[in-house]
Amino acid sequence: FGQDSKNTFALLEWFEEYRRRGITVIMVTHDDH
């Protein structure tokens, strides 16, 4: 929340990179995307 699109996508890509390394991401969000 409060992020522009560039930083939103950068954050999500960063979390995805961590997930691929075996780290678990548990996230509260209202964003259906």
PDB file of all heavy atoms in Angstrom:
ATOM      1  N   PHE A   1       0.845  -1.196   0.000  1.00  0.00           N
ATOM      2  CA  PHE A   1       0.000   0.000   0.000  1.00  0.00           C
ATOM      3  C   PHE A   1       0.881   1.248   0.000  1.00  0.00           C
ATOM      4  O   PHE A   1       1.960   1.297   0.573  1.00  0.00           O
ATOM      5  CB  PHE A   1      -1.010  -0.009   1.144  1.00  0.00           C
ATOM      6  CG  PHE A   1      -0.533   0.549   2.462  1.00  0.00           C
ATOM      7  CD1 PHE A   1      -0.424   1.910   2.672  1.00  0.00           C
ATOM      8  CD2 PHE A   1      -0.240  -0.294   3.517  1.00  0.00           C
ATOM      9  CE1 PHE A   1       0.003   2.425   3.878  1.00  0.00           C
ATOM     10  CE2 PHE A   1       0.176   0.201   4.742  1.00  0.00           C
ATOM     11  CZ  PHE A   1       0.301   1.575   4.918  1.00  0.00           C
ATOM     12  N   GLY A   2       0.420   2.275  -0.703  1.00  0.00           N
ATOM     13  CA  GLY A   2       1.179   3.515  -0.800  1.00  0.00           C
ATOM     14  C   GLY A   2       2.311   3.471  -1.812  1.00  0.00           C
ATOM     15  O   GLY A   2       3.090   4.421  -1.914  1.00  0.00           O
ATOM     16  N   GLN A   3       2.422   2.389  -2.576  1.00  0.00           N
ATOM     17  CA  GLN A   3       3.513   2.254  -3.542  1.00  0.00           C
ATOM     18  C   GLN A   3       3.042   2.614  -4.950  1.00  0.00           C
ATOM     19  O   GLN A   3       1.900   2.346  -5.318  1.00  0.00           O
ATOM     20  CB  GLN A   3       4.033   0.807  -3.568  1.00  0.00           C
ATOM     21  CG  GLN A   3       4.563   0.294  -2.255  1.00  0.00           C
ATOM     22  CD  GLN A   3       5.824   0.995  -1.808  1.00  0.00           C
ATOM     23  OE1 GLN A   3       6.495   1.658  -2.599  1.00  0.00           O
ATOM     24  NE2 GLN A   3       6.152   0.883  -0.534  1.00  0.00           N
ATOM     25  N   ASP A   4       3.950   3.198  -5.723  1.00  0.00           N
ATOM     26  CA  ASP A   4       3.655   3.386  -7.140  1.00  0.00           C
ATOM     27  C   ASP A   4       3.839   2.043  -7.844  1.00  0.00           C
ATOM     28  O   ASP A   4       4.257   1.053  -7.235  1.00  0.00           O
ATOM     29  CB  ASP A   4       4.545   4.477  -7.746  1.00  0.00           C
ATOM     30  CG  ASP A   4       6.033   4.211  -7.533  1.00  0.00           C
ATOM     31  OD1 ASP A   4       6.451   3.046  -7.647  1.00  0.00           O
ATOM     32  OD2 ASP A   4       6.776   5.171  -7.255  1.00  0.00           O
ATOM     33  N   SER A   5       3.532   2.004  -9.138  1.00  0.00           N
ATOM     34  CA  SER A   5       3.558   0.715  -9.845  1.00  0.00           C
ATOM     35  C   SER A   5       4.973   0.153  -9.950  1.00  0.00           C
ATOM     36  O   SER A   5       5.187  -1.053  -9.778  1.00  0.00           O
ATOM     37  CB  SER A   5       2.943   0.869 -11.238  1.00  0.00           C
ATOM     38  OG  SER A   5       3.695   1.764 -12.044  1.00  0.00           O
ATOM     39  N   LYS A   6       5.943   1.004 -10.210  1.00  0.00           N
ATOM     40  CA  LYS A   6       7.317   0.526 -10.375  1.00  0.00           C
ATOM     41  C   LYS A   6       7.812  -0.142  -9.099  1.00  0.00           C
ATOM     42  O   LYS A   6       8.397  -1.233  -9.141  1.00  0.00           O
ATOM     43  CB  LYS A   6       8.243   1.691 -10.752  1.00  0.00           C
ATOM     44  CG  LYS A   6       9.682   1.269 -11.039  1.00  0.00           C
ATOM     45  CD  LYS A   6      10.543   2.473 -11.417  1.00  0.00           C
ATOM     46  CE  LYS A   6      10.168   3.009 -12.783  1.00  0.00           C
ATOM     47  NZ  LYS A   6      11.085   4.093 -13.223  1.00  0.00           N
ATOM     48  N   ASN A   7       7.558   0.484  -7.954  1.00  0.00           N
ATOM     49  CA  ASN A   7       8.028  -0.091  -6.686  1.00  0.00           C
ATOM     50  C   ASN A   7       7.187  -1.288  -6.256  1.00  0.00           C
ATOM     51  O   ASN A   7       7.705  -2.205  -5.622  1.00  0.00           O
ATOM     52  CB  ASN A   7       8.037   0.984  -5.598  1.00  0.00           C
ATOM     53  CG  ASN A   7       9.197   1.941  -5.753  1.00  0.00           C
ATOM     54  OD1 ASN A   7      10.356   1.534  -5.769  1.00  0.00           O
ATOM     55  ND2 ASN A   7       8.906   3.226  -5.892  1.00  0.00           N
ATOM     56  N   THR A   8       5.894  -1.278  -6.601  1.00  0.00           N
ATOM     57  CA  THR A   8       5.067  -2.449  -6.311  1.00  0.00           C
ATOM     58  C   THR A   8       5.600  -3.672  -7.034  1.00  0.00           C
ATOM     59  O   THR A   8       5.806  -4.737  -6.433  1.00  0.00           O
ATOM     60  CB  THR A   8       3.605  -2.197  -6.738  1.00  0.00           C
ATOM     61  OG1 THR A   8       3.045  -1.172  -5.909  1.00  0.00           O
ATOM     62  CG2 THR A   8       2.766  -3.468  -6.590  1.00  0.00           C
ATOM     63  N   PHE A   9       5.849  -3.537  -8.326  1.00  0.00           N
ATOM     64  CA  PHE A   9       6.322  -4.680  -9.102  1.00  0.00           C
ATOM     65  C   PHE A   9       7.722  -5.110  -8.649  1.00  0.00           C
ATOM     66  O   PHE A   9       8.029  -6.306  -8.616  1.00  0.00           O
ATOM     67  CB  PHE A   9       6.317  -4.344 -10.592  1.00  0.00           C
ATOM     68  CG  PHE A   9       4.942  -4.039 -11.138  1.00  0.00           C
ATOM     69  CD1 PHE A   9       4.758  -3.081 -12.124  1.00  0.00           C
ATOM     70  CD2 PHE A   9       3.825  -4.702 -10.655  1.00  0.00           C
ATOM     71  CE1 PHE A   9       3.499  -2.791 -12.617  1.00  0.00           C
ATOM     72  CE2 PHE A   9       2.557  -4.425 -11.140  1.00  0.00           C
ATOM     73  CZ  PHE A   9       2.394  -3.471 -12.133  1.00  0.00           C
ATOM     74  N   ALA A  10       8.571  -4.137  -8.296  1.00  0.00           N
ATOM     75  CA  ALA A  10       9.911  -4.477  -7.820  1.00  0.00           C
ATOM     76  C   ALA A  10       9.846  -5.271  -6.513  1.00  0.00           C
ATOM     77  O   ALA A  10      10.581  -6.253  -6.337  1.00  0.00           O
ATOM     78  CB  ALA A  10      10.738  -3.204  -7.631  1.00  0.00           C
ATOM     79  N   LEU A  11       8.961  -4.858  -5.601  1.00  0.00           N
ATOM     80  CA  LEU A  11       8.795  -5.588  -4.343  1.00  0.00           C
ATOM     81  C   LEU A  11       8.307  -7.015  -4.594  1.00  0.00           C
ATOM     82  O   LEU A  11       8.832  -7.978  -4.030  1.00  0.00           O
ATOM     83  CB  LEU A  11       7.790  -4.864  -3.447  1.00  0.00           C
ATOM     84  CG  LEU A  11       8.295  -3.716  -2.575  1.00  0.00           C
ATOM     85  CD1 LEU A  11       7.127  -3.028  -1.894  1.00  0.00           C
ATOM     86  CD2 LEU A  11       9.288  -4.201  -1.524  1.00  0.00           C
ATOM     87  N   LEU A  12       7.306  -7.141  -5.455  1.00  0.00           N
ATOM     88  CA  LEU A  12       6.751  -8.465  -5.725  1.00  0.00           C
ATOM     89  C   LEU A  12       7.782  -9.375  -6.377  1.00  0.00           C
ATOM     90  O   LEU A  12       7.877 -10.569  -6.042  1.00  0.00           O
ATOM     91  CB  LEU A  12       5.510  -8.339  -6.613  1.00  0.00           C
ATOM     92  CG  LEU A  12       4.324  -7.601  -5.982  1.00  0.00           C
ATOM     93  CD1 LEU A  12       3.200  -7.418  -7.002  1.00  0.00           C
ATOM     94  CD2 LEU A  12       3.802  -8.343  -4.751  1.00  0.00           C
ATOM     95  N   GLU A  13       8.573  -8.840  -7.277  1.00  0.00           N
ATOM     96  CA  GLU A  13       9.618  -9.642  -7.921  1.00  0.00           C
ATOM     97  C   GLU A  13      10.675 -10.064  -6.908  1.00  0.00           C
ATOM     98  O   GLU A  13      11.221 -11.177  -6.979  1.00  0.00           O
ATOM     99  CB  GLU A  13      10.244  -8.849  -9.072  1.00  0.00           C
ATOM    100  CG  GLU A  13       9.319  -8.707 -10.270  1.00  0.00           C
ATOM    101  CD  GLU A  13       9.823  -7.690 -11.283  1.00  0.00           C
ATOM    102  OE1 GLU A  13      10.971  -7.199 -11.112  1.00  0.00           O
ATOM    103  OE2 GLU A  13       9.094  -7.398 -12.248  1.00  0.00           O
ATOM    104  N   TRP A  14      10.965  -9.183  -5.966  1.00  0.00           N
ATOM    105  CA  TRP A  14      11.934  -9.502  -4.928  1.00  0.00           C
ATOM    106  C   TRP A  14      11.409 -10.628  -4.046  1.00  0.00           C
ATOM    107  O   TRP A  14      12.131 -11.576  -3.727  1.00  0.00           O
ATOM    108  CB  TRP A  14      12.231  -8.251  -4.114  1.00  0.00           C
ATOM    109  CG  TRP A  14      13.324  -8.436  -3.122  1.00  0.00           C
ATOM    110  CD1 TRP A  14      14.663  -8.256  -3.306  1.00  0.00           C
ATOM    111  CD2 TRP A  14      13.162  -8.863  -1.765  1.00  0.00           C
ATOM    112  NE1 TRP A  14      15.341  -8.555  -2.157  1.00  0.00           N
ATOM    113  CE2 TRP A  14      14.455  -8.935  -1.198  1.00  0.00           C
ATOM    114  CE3 TRP A  14      12.058  -9.205  -0.985  1.00  0.00           C
ATOM    115  CZ2 TRP A  14      14.663  -9.324   0.120  1.00  0.00           C
ATOM    116  CZ3 TRP A  14      12.261  -9.600   0.328  1.00  0.00           C
ATOM    117  CH2 TRP A  14      13.560  -9.649   0.863  1.00  0.00           C
ATOM    118  N   PHE A  15      10.119 -10.550  -3.646  1.00  0.00           N
ATOM    119  CA  PHE A  15       9.529 -11.617  -2.842  1.00  0.00           C
ATOM    120  C   PHE A  15       9.523 -12.940  -3.618  1.00  0.00           C
ATOM    121  O   PHE A  15       9.777 -14.006  -3.054  1.00  0.00           O
ATOM    122  CB  PHE A  15       8.094 -11.272  -2.429  1.00  0.00           C
ATOM    123  CG  PHE A  15       7.966 -10.080  -1.529  1.00  0.00           C
ATOM    124  CD1 PHE A  15       6.903  -9.202  -1.661  1.00  0.00           C
ATOM    125  CD2 PHE A  15       8.913  -9.818  -0.549  1.00  0.00           C
ATOM    126  CE1 PHE A  15       6.782  -8.091  -0.826  1.00  0.00           C
ATOM    127  CE2 PHE A  15       8.802  -8.722   0.285  1.00  0.00           C
ATOM    128  CZ  PHE A  15       7.736  -7.855   0.139  1.00  0.00           C
ATOM    129  N   GLU A  16       9.230 -12.866  -4.908  1.00  0.00           N
ATOM    130  CA  GLU A  16       9.203 -14.077  -5.735  1.00  0.00           C
ATOM    131  C   GLU A  16      10.589 -14.708  -5.826  1.00  0.00           C
ATOM    132  O   GLU A  16      10.734 -15.946  -5.779  1.00  0.00           O
ATOM    133  CB  GLU A  16       8.666 -13.749  -7.129  1.00  0.00           C
ATOM    134  CG  GLU A  16       8.707 -14.893  -8.129  1.00  0.00           C
ATOM    135  CD  GLU A  16       7.843 -16.086  -7.727  1.00  0.00           C
ATOM    136  OE1 GLU A  16       7.050 -15.982  -6.779  1.00  0.00           O
ATOM    137  OE2 GLU A  16       7.984 -17.138  -8.372  1.00  0.00           O
ATOM    138  N   GLU A  17      11.619 -13.871  -5.937  1.00  0.00           N
ATOM    139  CA  GLU A  17      12.989 -14.397  -5.973  1.00  0.00           C
ATOM    140  C   GLU A  17      13.307 -15.142  -4.671  1.00  0.00           C
ATOM    141  O   GLU A  17      13.902 -16.226  -4.689  1.00  0.00           O
ATOM    142  CB  GLU A  17      13.983 -13.243  -6.163  1.00  0.00           C
ATOM    143  CG  GLU A  17      15.437 -13.696  -6.194  1.00  0.00           C
ATOM    144  CD  GLU A  17      16.408 -12.534  -6.195  1.00  0.00           C
ATOM    145  OE1 GLU A  17      16.033 -11.445  -6.672  1.00  0.00           O
ATOM    146  OE2 GLU A  17      17.538 -12.710  -5.705  1.00  0.00           O
ATOM    147  N   TYR A  18      12.898 -14.581  -3.543  1.00  0.00           N
ATOM    148  CA  TYR A  18      13.108 -15.241  -2.259  1.00  0.00           C
ATOM    149  C   TYR A  18      12.334 -16.551  -2.187  1.00  0.00           C
ATOM    150  O   TYR A  18      12.839 -17.562  -1.684  1.00  0.00           O
ATOM    151  CB  TYR A  18      12.674 -14.303  -1.119  1.00  0.00           C
ATOM    152  CG  TYR A  18      13.839 -13.586  -0.468  1.00  0.00           C
ATOM    153  CD1 TYR A  18      14.834 -12.998  -1.251  1.00  0.00           C
ATOM    154  CD2 TYR A  18      13.958 -13.496   0.917  1.00  0.00           C
ATOM    155  CE1 TYR A  18      15.899 -12.337  -0.666  1.00  0.00           C
ATOM    156  CE2 TYR A  18      15.026 -12.838   1.513  1.00  0.00           C
ATOM    157  CZ  TYR A  18      15.996 -12.261   0.716  1.00  0.00           C
ATOM    158  OH  TYR A  18      17.055 -11.629   1.299  1.00  0.00           O
ATOM    159  N   ARG A  19      11.095 -16.540  -2.661  1.00  0.00           N
ATOM    160  CA  ARG A  19      10.282 -17.750  -2.622  1.00  0.00           C
ATOM    161  C   ARG A  19      10.941 -18.876  -3.407  1.00  0.00           C
ATOM    162  O   ARG A  19      10.955 -20.034  -2.976  1.00  0.00           O
ATOM    163  CB  ARG A  19       8.887 -17.473  -3.185  1.00  0.00           C
ATOM    164  CG  ARG A  19       7.921 -18.641  -3.060  1.00  0.00           C
ATOM    165  CD  ARG A  19       6.672 -18.435  -3.883  1.00  0.00           C
ATOM    166  NE  ARG A  19       6.928 -18.583  -5.306  1.00  0.00           N
ATOM    167  CZ  ARG A  19       6.987 -19.746  -5.932  1.00  0.00           C
ATOM    168  NH1 ARG A  19       6.827 -20.881  -5.271  1.00  0.00           N
ATOM    169  NH2 ARG A  19       7.215 -19.803  -7.233  1.00  0.00           N
ATOM    170  N   ARG A  20      11.503 -18.550  -4.556  1.00  0.00           N
ATOM    171  CA  ARG A  20      12.167 -19.557  -5.388  1.00  0.00           C
ATOM    172  C   ARG A  20      13.381 -20.165  -4.680  1.00  0.00           C
ATOM    173  O   ARG A  20      13.810 -21.266  -5.007  1.00  0.00           O
ATOM    174  CB  ARG A  20      12.600 -18.945  -6.717  1.00  0.00           C
ATOM    175  CG  ARG A  20      11.438 -18.639  -7.664  1.00  0.00           C
ATOM    176  CD  ARG A  20      11.916 -17.832  -8.855  1.00  0.00           C
ATOM    177  NE  ARG A  20      10.815 -17.474  -9.722  1.00  0.00           N
ATOM    178  CZ  ARG A  20      10.418 -18.155 -10.773  1.00  0.00           C
ATOM    179  NH1 ARG A  20      11.048 -19.288 -11.079  1.00  0.00           N
ATOM    180  NH2 ARG A  20       9.411 -17.762 -11.511  1.00  0.00           N
ATOM    181  N   ARG A  21      13.934 -19.421  -3.722  1.00  0.00           N
ATOM    182  CA  ARG A  21      15.076 -19.922  -2.946  1.00  0.00           C
ATOM    183  C   ARG A  21      14.617 -20.730  -1.738  1.00  0.00           C
ATOM    184  O   ARG A  21      15.445 -21.147  -0.928  1.00  0.00           O
ATOM    185  CB  ARG A  21      15.959 -18.754  -2.482  1.00  0.00           C
ATOM    186  CG  ARG A  21      16.524 -17.919  -3.620  1.00  0.00           C
ATOM    187  CD  ARG A  21      17.908 -17.397  -3.299  1.00  0.00           C
ATOM    188  NE  ARG A  21      17.987 -16.700  -2.041  1.00  0.00           N
ATOM    189  CZ  ARG A  21      17.963 -15.374  -1.909  1.00  0.00           C
ATOM    190  NH1 ARG A  21      17.827 -14.617  -2.989  1.00  0.00           N
ATOM    191  NH2 ARG A  21      18.063 -14.801  -0.736  1.00  0.00           N
ATOM    192  N   GLY A  22      13.298 -20.916  -1.605  1.00  0.00           N
ATOM    193  CA  GLY A  22      12.792 -21.749  -0.531  1.00  0.00           C
ATOM    194  C   GLY A  22      12.269 -20.993   0.669  1.00  0.00           C
ATOM    195  O   GLY A  22      11.819 -21.604   1.646  1.00  0.00           O
ATOM    196  N   ILE A  23      12.317 -19.670   0.637  1.00  0.00           N
ATOM    197  CA  ILE A  23      11.774 -18.868   1.735  1.00  0.00           C
ATOM    198  C   ILE A  23      10.259 -18.769   1.575  1.00  0.00           C
ATOM    199  O   ILE A  23       9.748 -18.673   0.458  1.00  0.00           O
ATOM    200  CB  ILE A  23      12.428 -17.470   1.746  1.00  0.00           C
ATOM    201  CG1 ILE A  23      13.901 -17.606   2.151  1.00  0.00           C
ATOM    202  CG2 ILE A  23      11.709 -16.507   2.685  1.00  0.00           C
ATOM    203  CD1 ILE A  23      14.714 -16.359   2.001  1.00  0.00           C
ATOM    204  N   THR A  24       9.551 -18.820   2.681  1.00  0.00           N
ATOM    205  CA  THR A  24       8.089 -18.760   2.658  1.00  0.00           C
ATOM    206  C   THR A  24       7.613 -17.335   2.894  1.00  0.00           C
ATOM    207  O   THR A  24       8.062 -16.661   3.828  1.00  0.00           O
ATOM    208  CB  THR A  24       7.500 -19.695   3.730  1.00  0.00           C
ATOM    209  OG1 THR A  24       7.856 -21.044   3.403  1.00  0.00           O
ATOM    210  CG2 THR A  24       5.987 -19.573   3.780  1.00  0.00           C
ATOM    211  N   VAL A  25       6.722 -16.874   2.049  1.00  0.00           N
ATOM    212  CA  VAL A  25       6.136 -15.539   2.145  1.00  0.00           C
ATOM    213  C   VAL A  25       4.680 -15.682   2.563  1.00  0.00           C
ATOM    214  O   VAL A  25       3.905 -16.389   1.908  1.00  0.00           O
ATOM    215  CB  VAL A  25       6.219 -14.798   0.785  1.00  0.00           C
ATOM    216  CG1 VAL A  25       5.551 -13.428   0.878  1.00  0.00           C
ATOM    217  CG2 VAL A  25       7.663 -14.671   0.319  1.00  0.00           C
ATOM    218  N   ILE A  26       4.308 -15.053   3.677  1.00  0.00           N
ATOM    219  CA  ILE A  26       2.916 -15.030   4.133  1.00  0.00           C
ATOM    220  C   ILE A  26       2.492 -13.574   4.204  1.00  0.00           C
ATOM    221  O   ILE A  26       3.049 -12.790   4.968  1.00  0.00           O
ATOM    222  CB  ILE A  26       2.754 -15.708   5.508  1.00  0.00           C
ATOM    223  CG1 ILE A  26       3.288 -17.149   5.459  1.00  0.00           C
ATOM    224  CG2 ILE A  26       1.290 -15.700   5.939  1.00  0.00           C
ATOM    225  CD1 ILE A  26       3.206 -17.893   6.779  1.00  0.00           C
ATOM    226  N   MET A  27       1.524 -13.193   3.387  1.00  0.00           N
ATOM    227  CA  MET A  27       1.225 -11.778   3.150  1.00  0.00           C
ATOM    228  C   MET A  27      -0.264 -11.474   3.262  1.00  0.00           C
ATOM    229  O   MET A  27      -1.090 -12.140   2.632  1.00  0.00           O
ATOM    230  CB  MET A  27       1.712 -11.396   1.745  1.00  0.00           C
ATOM    231  CG  MET A  27       1.318 -10.018   1.258  1.00  0.00           C
ATOM    232  SD  MET A  27       1.692  -9.783  -0.508  1.00  0.00           S
ATOM    233  CE  MET A  27       3.469  -9.848  -0.495  1.00  0.00           C
ATOM    234  N   VAL A  28      -0.594 -10.471   4.063  1.00  0.00           N
ATOM    235  CA  VAL A  28      -1.941  -9.917   4.058  1.00  0.00           C
ATOM    236  C   VAL A  28      -2.011  -8.876   2.952  1.00  0.00           C
ATOM    237  O   VAL A  28      -1.165  -7.985   2.876  1.00  0.00           O
ATOM    238  CB  VAL A  28      -2.279  -9.257   5.412  1.00  0.00           C
ATOM    239  CG1 VAL A  28      -3.571  -8.437   5.299  1.00  0.00           C
ATOM    240  CG2 VAL A  28      -2.417 -10.305   6.506  1.00  0.00           C
ATOM    241  N   THR A  29      -2.991  -9.001   2.076  1.00  0.00           N
ATOM    242  CA  THR A  29      -3.182  -7.994   1.028  1.00  0.00           C
ATOM    243  C   THR A  29      -4.629  -8.009   0.551  1.00  0.00           C
ATOM    244  O   THR A  29      -5.297  -9.049   0.585  1.00  0.00           O
ATOM    245  CB  THR A  29      -2.239  -8.220  -0.168  1.00  0.00           C
ATOM    246  OG1 THR A  29      -2.445  -7.187  -1.149  1.00  0.00           O
ATOM    247  CG2 THR A  29      -2.493  -9.558  -0.840  1.00  0.00           C
ATOM    248  N   HIS A  30      -5.097  -6.840   0.118  1.00  0.00           N
ATOM    249  CA  HIS A  30      -6.423  -6.730  -0.497  1.00  0.00           C
ATOM    250  C   HIS A  30      -6.320  -6.734  -2.019  1.00  0.00           C
ATOM    251  O   HIS A  30      -7.349  -6.660  -2.700  1.00  0.00           O
ATOM    252  CB  HIS A  30      -7.109  -5.439  -0.055  1.00  0.00           C
ATOM    253  CG  HIS A  30      -7.519  -5.435   1.383  1.00  0.00           C
ATOM    254  ND1 HIS A  30      -8.402  -6.344   1.904  1.00  0.00           N
ATOM    255  CD2 HIS A  30      -7.162  -4.633   2.414  1.00  0.00           C
ATOM    256  CE1 HIS A  30      -8.584  -6.107   3.188  1.00  0.00           C
ATOM    257  NE2 HIS A  30      -7.844  -5.083   3.526  1.00  0.00           N
ATOM    258  N   ASP A  31      -5.114  -6.809  -2.544  1.00  0.00           N
ATOM    259  CA  ASP A  31      -4.915  -6.684  -3.985  1.00  0.00           C
ATOM    260  C   ASP A  31      -5.116  -8.036  -4.670  1.00  0.00           C
ATOM    261  O   ASP A  31      -4.284  -8.944  -4.551  1.00  0.00           O
ATOM    262  CB  ASP A  31      -3.507  -6.151  -4.268  1.00  0.00           C
ATOM    263  CG  ASP A  31      -3.344  -5.666  -5.698  1.00  0.00           C
ATOM    264  OD1 ASP A  31      -4.002  -6.229  -6.596  1.00  0.00           O
ATOM    265  OD2 ASP A  31      -2.559  -4.718  -5.924  1.00  0.00           O
ATOM    266  N   ASP A  32      -6.212  -8.155  -5.397  1.00  0.00           N
ATOM    267  CA  ASP A  32      -6.508  -9.412  -6.079  1.00  0.00           C
ATOM    268  C   ASP A  32      -5.479  -9.741  -7.156  1.00  0.00           C
ATOM    269  O   ASP A  32      -5.297 -10.916  -7.505  1.00  0.00           O
ATOM    270  CB  ASP A  32      -7.907  -9.359  -6.705  1.00  0.00           C
ATOM    271  CG  ASP A  32      -9.019  -9.426  -5.665  1.00  0.00           C
ATOM    272  OD1 ASP A  32      -8.744  -9.885  -4.542  1.00  0.00           O
ATOM    273  OD2 ASP A  32     -10.150  -9.002  -5.974  1.00  0.00           O
ATOM    274  N   HIS A  33      -4.808  -8.735  -7.691  1.00  0.00           N
ATOM    275  CA  HIS A  33      -3.780  -9.007  -8.698  1.00  0.00           C
ATOM    276  C   HIS A  33      -2.655  -9.846  -8.104  1.00  0.00           C
ATOM    277  O   HIS A  33      -2.088 -10.717  -8.783  1.00  0.00           O
ATOM    278  CB  HIS A  33      -3.207  -7.703  -9.247  1.00  0.00           C
ATOM    279  CG  HIS A  33      -4.181  -6.888 -10.029  1.00  0.00           C
ATOM    280  ND1 HIS A  33      -4.787  -5.766  -9.526  1.00  0.00           N
ATOM    281  CD2 HIS A  33      -4.671  -7.039 -11.290  1.00  0.00           C
ATOM    282  CE1 HIS A  33      -5.587  -5.242 -10.439  1.00  0.00           C
ATOM    283  NE2 HIS A  33      -5.551  -6.005 -11.516  1.00  0.00           N
TER     284      HIS A  33
END
